[in-house]
N, C-alpha and C. Protein backbone atom coordinates (compact mmCIF):
# COMPACT_ATOMS: atom_id res chain seq x y z
N MET A 1 20.94 10.44 24.12
CA MET A 1 21.91 10.73 23.58
C MET A 1 21.43 10.73 21.86
N LYS A 2 21.91 11.57 21.24
CA LYS A 2 21.52 11.92 19.82
C LYS A 2 22.23 10.72 18.83
N ASP A 3 21.46 10.62 18.03
CA ASP A 3 21.98 9.42 16.84
C ASP A 3 23.00 10.24 16.43
N LYS A 4 24.04 9.18 15.48
CA LYS A 4 24.88 9.74 15.07
C LYS A 4 24.47 9.69 13.68
N ARG A 5 24.28 10.66 12.69
CA ARG A 5 23.69 10.35 11.17
C ARG A 5 24.24 11.88 10.71
N ALA A 6 24.90 11.59 9.67
CA ALA A 6 25.33 12.50 8.28
C ALA A 6 24.63 12.53 7.13
N ARG A 7 24.55 13.70 6.47
CA ARG A 7 23.97 13.92 5.22
C ARG A 7 24.69 14.43 4.23
N ILE A 8 24.96 13.84 3.07
CA ILE A 8 25.84 14.45 2.04
C ILE A 8 25.29 14.31 0.76
N THR A 9 25.78 15.01 -0.28
CA THR A 9 25.18 15.21 -1.59
C THR A 9 26.34 14.49 -2.48
N VAL A 10 25.96 13.59 -3.22
CA VAL A 10 27.11 13.37 -4.09
C VAL A 10 26.50 13.29 -5.65
N GLN A 11 27.34 13.61 -6.30
CA GLN A 11 27.11 13.60 -7.77
C GLN A 11 28.24 12.52 -8.37
N VAL A 12 27.28 11.23 -8.99
CA VAL A 12 27.96 9.97 -9.61
C VAL A 12 28.28 10.37 -10.94
N GLN A 13 29.43 9.87 -11.39
CA GLN A 13 29.55 9.60 -12.87
C GLN A 13 30.15 8.18 -13.06
N PRO A 14 29.05 7.58 -13.50
CA PRO A 14 29.24 5.87 -13.80
C PRO A 14 29.99 5.68 -14.99
N ASN A 15 30.21 4.50 -15.16
CA ASN A 15 30.86 3.99 -16.56
C ASN A 15 32.20 4.46 -16.48
N SER A 16 32.93 4.86 -15.48
CA SER A 16 34.46 5.11 -15.10
C SER A 16 35.34 4.20 -15.20
N ARG A 17 36.61 4.40 -15.39
CA ARG A 17 37.51 3.19 -15.75
C ARG A 17 37.99 2.75 -14.10
N LYS A 18 37.85 3.67 -12.93
CA LYS A 18 37.66 3.03 -11.43
C LYS A 18 37.11 3.98 -10.83
N ASN A 19 36.86 3.36 -9.70
CA ASN A 19 36.29 4.05 -8.22
C ASN A 19 36.96 5.21 -7.95
N GLU A 20 36.54 6.25 -8.05
CA GLU A 20 37.53 7.48 -7.21
C GLU A 20 36.80 8.37 -6.88
N ILE A 21 37.23 9.13 -5.96
CA ILE A 21 36.84 10.63 -5.28
C ILE A 21 37.50 11.63 -6.24
N VAL A 22 36.66 12.38 -6.99
CA VAL A 22 37.22 13.45 -7.76
C VAL A 22 37.67 14.74 -6.92
N SER A 23 36.35 15.16 -6.22
CA SER A 23 36.67 16.37 -5.13
C SER A 23 35.56 16.32 -4.19
N PHE A 24 35.65 17.24 -3.65
CA PHE A 24 34.67 17.57 -2.54
C PHE A 24 34.55 19.24 -2.22
N GLU A 25 33.75 19.60 -3.16
CA GLU A 25 33.62 21.26 -3.04
C GLU A 25 32.15 21.43 -2.91
N ASP A 26 32.10 22.67 -2.31
CA ASP A 26 30.96 23.52 -1.88
C ASP A 26 29.87 22.39 -1.40
N GLY A 27 30.21 21.51 -0.72
CA GLY A 27 29.31 20.27 -0.02
C GLY A 27 28.99 19.27 -0.73
N ILE A 28 29.22 19.43 -1.97
CA ILE A 28 29.00 18.27 -3.22
C ILE A 28 29.91 17.22 -3.19
N LEU A 29 30.29 15.96 -2.98
CA LEU A 29 31.26 14.95 -3.11
C LEU A 29 30.99 14.53 -4.49
N LYS A 30 31.91 14.49 -5.29
CA LYS A 30 31.97 14.06 -6.76
C LYS A 30 33.03 12.82 -6.84
N VAL A 31 32.06 11.70 -7.30
CA VAL A 31 32.77 10.39 -7.10
C VAL A 31 32.53 9.86 -8.77
N LYS A 32 33.48 9.06 -9.07
CA LYS A 32 33.45 8.42 -10.50
C LYS A 32 33.33 6.86 -9.83
N VAL A 33 32.48 5.96 -10.71
CA VAL A 33 32.53 4.51 -10.22
C VAL A 33 32.71 3.78 -11.51
N SER A 34 33.07 2.77 -11.67
CA SER A 34 33.05 1.56 -12.51
C SER A 34 31.75 0.92 -13.36
N ALA A 35 30.79 1.13 -12.31
CA ALA A 35 29.83 0.55 -13.01
C ALA A 35 28.76 1.07 -13.76
N PRO A 36 28.05 0.53 -14.88
CA PRO A 36 26.79 1.07 -15.56
C PRO A 36 25.69 1.75 -14.71
N PRO A 37 24.83 2.62 -14.88
CA PRO A 37 23.83 3.06 -14.73
C PRO A 37 22.50 2.08 -14.69
N VAL A 38 22.52 0.86 -14.56
CA VAL A 38 21.65 0.15 -15.39
C VAL A 38 21.40 -1.00 -13.91
N LYS A 39 19.88 -1.11 -13.74
CA LYS A 39 19.32 -1.86 -12.77
C LYS A 39 20.18 -1.68 -11.37
N GLY A 40 20.34 -0.55 -11.23
CA GLY A 40 20.97 0.11 -9.99
C GLY A 40 22.46 -0.54 -9.34
N LYS A 41 23.08 -0.79 -10.74
CA LYS A 41 24.40 -1.41 -10.34
C LYS A 41 25.30 0.03 -9.99
N ALA A 42 25.42 0.80 -10.28
CA ALA A 42 26.04 1.96 -10.02
C ALA A 42 25.78 2.67 -8.54
N ASN A 43 24.36 2.62 -8.40
CA ASN A 43 24.15 2.71 -6.54
C ASN A 43 24.49 1.84 -6.00
N ARG A 44 24.65 0.20 -6.25
CA ARG A 44 25.39 -0.55 -5.27
C ARG A 44 26.93 -0.12 -5.27
N GLU A 45 27.66 0.05 -6.44
CA GLU A 45 29.01 0.33 -6.42
C GLU A 45 29.16 1.59 -5.74
N LEU A 46 28.53 2.52 -5.75
CA LEU A 46 28.58 3.68 -4.91
C LEU A 46 28.48 3.35 -3.29
N ILE A 47 27.86 2.82 -3.02
CA ILE A 47 27.51 2.25 -1.55
C ILE A 47 28.71 1.64 -0.97
N GLU A 48 29.22 0.49 -1.63
CA GLU A 48 30.40 -0.27 -1.51
C GLU A 48 31.46 0.48 -1.34
N PHE A 49 31.67 1.64 -2.37
CA PHE A 49 32.55 2.49 -2.57
C PHE A 49 32.95 3.29 -1.06
N LEU A 50 31.74 4.19 -0.89
CA LEU A 50 31.60 5.01 0.05
C LEU A 50 31.75 4.04 1.50
N SER A 51 31.22 3.00 1.61
CA SER A 51 31.71 2.14 3.08
C SER A 51 33.03 1.85 2.95
N ASP A 52 33.87 1.63 2.11
CA ASP A 52 35.12 1.47 2.18
C ASP A 52 36.17 2.58 2.76
N ILE A 53 35.54 3.86 1.89
CA ILE A 53 36.30 5.29 2.54
C ILE A 53 36.04 5.63 3.41
N PHE A 54 34.52 5.43 4.18
CA PHE A 54 34.26 5.97 5.76
C PHE A 54 34.43 4.52 6.56
N ASP A 55 34.94 3.38 6.32
CA ASP A 55 35.16 2.23 7.02
C ASP A 55 33.95 2.13 7.95
N ILE A 56 32.90 1.90 7.02
CA ILE A 56 31.39 1.50 7.89
C ILE A 56 31.12 0.57 7.22
N SER A 57 29.90 -0.38 7.59
CA SER A 57 29.00 -1.32 6.82
C SER A 57 28.06 -0.49 5.70
N LYS A 58 28.10 -1.57 4.81
CA LYS A 58 26.95 -1.17 3.43
C LYS A 58 26.01 -0.68 3.80
N GLY A 59 25.55 -1.47 5.05
CA GLY A 59 24.11 -1.00 5.62
C GLY A 59 23.93 0.23 6.21
N SER A 60 24.93 0.88 6.51
CA SER A 60 25.02 2.32 7.03
C SER A 60 25.06 3.50 6.15
N ILE A 61 25.08 2.81 4.92
CA ILE A 61 24.69 4.17 3.69
C ILE A 61 23.63 3.78 3.11
N ILE A 62 22.66 5.13 2.90
CA ILE A 62 21.44 4.85 2.07
C ILE A 62 21.36 5.84 1.46
N ILE A 63 20.95 5.54 0.47
CA ILE A 63 20.81 6.54 -0.55
C ILE A 63 18.87 6.99 -0.50
N ASP A 64 18.99 7.99 -0.14
CA ASP A 64 17.36 8.77 0.31
C ASP A 64 16.85 9.47 -0.83
N LYS A 65 17.69 10.19 -1.25
CA LYS A 65 17.19 11.16 -2.77
C LYS A 65 18.04 10.55 -3.84
N GLY A 66 17.18 10.69 -5.08
CA GLY A 66 18.07 10.49 -6.52
C GLY A 66 18.37 9.21 -6.68
N LEU A 67 17.53 8.05 -6.52
CA LEU A 67 17.87 6.81 -7.12
C LEU A 67 18.23 6.79 -8.53
N THR A 68 17.39 7.49 -9.45
CA THR A 68 17.73 7.70 -10.99
C THR A 68 18.52 8.62 -11.36
N SER A 69 19.22 9.45 -10.46
CA SER A 69 19.77 10.74 -11.12
C SER A 69 21.38 10.66 -10.47
N LYS A 70 22.04 11.42 -11.26
CA LYS A 70 23.68 11.47 -10.74
C LYS A 70 23.61 12.15 -9.58
N ARG A 71 22.77 13.23 -9.03
CA ARG A 71 23.27 13.79 -8.30
C ARG A 71 22.29 12.83 -6.96
N LYS A 72 22.89 12.51 -5.83
CA LYS A 72 22.01 11.60 -4.82
C LYS A 72 22.23 12.42 -3.33
N GLY A 73 21.18 12.05 -2.53
CA GLY A 73 21.10 12.54 -1.05
C GLY A 73 21.50 11.15 -0.54
N ILE A 74 22.60 11.27 0.21
CA ILE A 74 23.15 10.11 1.03
C ILE A 74 23.29 10.29 2.53
N VAL A 75 22.46 9.43 3.26
CA VAL A 75 22.72 9.32 4.74
C VAL A 75 23.52 8.35 5.15
N ILE A 76 24.77 8.62 6.28
CA ILE A 76 25.46 8.23 6.71
C ILE A 76 25.37 7.74 8.01
N GLU A 77 24.91 6.53 8.24
CA GLU A 77 24.53 6.53 9.94
C GLU A 77 25.44 6.04 10.85
N GLY A 78 26.00 6.28 11.89
CA GLY A 78 27.07 5.97 12.82
C GLY A 78 28.40 6.91 12.91
N LEU A 79 27.96 7.82 11.73
CA LEU A 79 29.10 9.28 11.82
C LEU A 79 28.55 10.47 12.10
N THR A 80 29.02 11.30 12.42
CA THR A 80 28.52 12.72 12.23
C THR A 80 28.84 13.76 11.22
N GLN A 81 28.19 14.64 11.13
CA GLN A 81 28.40 15.49 10.24
C GLN A 81 29.82 15.86 10.06
N ASP A 82 30.42 16.46 11.42
CA ASP A 82 31.86 16.76 11.21
C ASP A 82 32.55 15.51 10.86
N GLU A 83 32.54 14.22 11.39
CA GLU A 83 33.54 13.09 10.99
C GLU A 83 33.39 13.17 9.73
N VAL A 84 32.48 13.37 8.99
CA VAL A 84 32.28 13.09 7.67
C VAL A 84 33.28 14.02 6.67
N SER A 85 32.90 15.55 7.10
CA SER A 85 33.70 16.39 6.63
C SER A 85 35.17 16.26 6.82
N ASN A 86 35.85 15.73 7.90
CA ASN A 86 37.06 15.69 8.19
C ASN A 86 37.38 14.69 7.35
N ARG A 87 36.96 13.65 7.19
CA ARG A 87 37.34 12.42 6.38
C ARG A 87 37.36 12.80 4.86
N LEU A 88 36.64 13.42 4.31
CA LEU A 88 36.38 13.82 3.15
C LEU A 88 37.57 15.03 3.05
N SER A 89 37.83 15.84 3.77
CA SER A 89 38.78 17.10 3.50
C SER A 89 39.97 16.53 3.79
N SER A 90 40.48 15.42 4.56
CA SER A 90 41.93 14.72 4.43
C SER A 90 41.99 13.89 2.98
N LEU A 91 41.11 13.65 2.43
CA LEU A 91 41.35 12.67 1.10
C LEU A 91 41.94 13.77 -0.06
């Protein structure tokens, strides 16, 4: 059986008033997070926010590209690409 794993591109806007999804267009999820981009705080906030959105553990979300960039490659373990796309489309 194939492992359930999805990959998405996320564009992050740190230092926002609240955590929210702005849009999901052309395969890019645009997200605002309240944490500043200092010492990984915005990355941790993003992982926590996405774990709530997808209802999975924080350990199932891995930033594999762009740790210091606004555009990040995210791997979500435990969900298929279709499941992720469907959840994002319904937001």
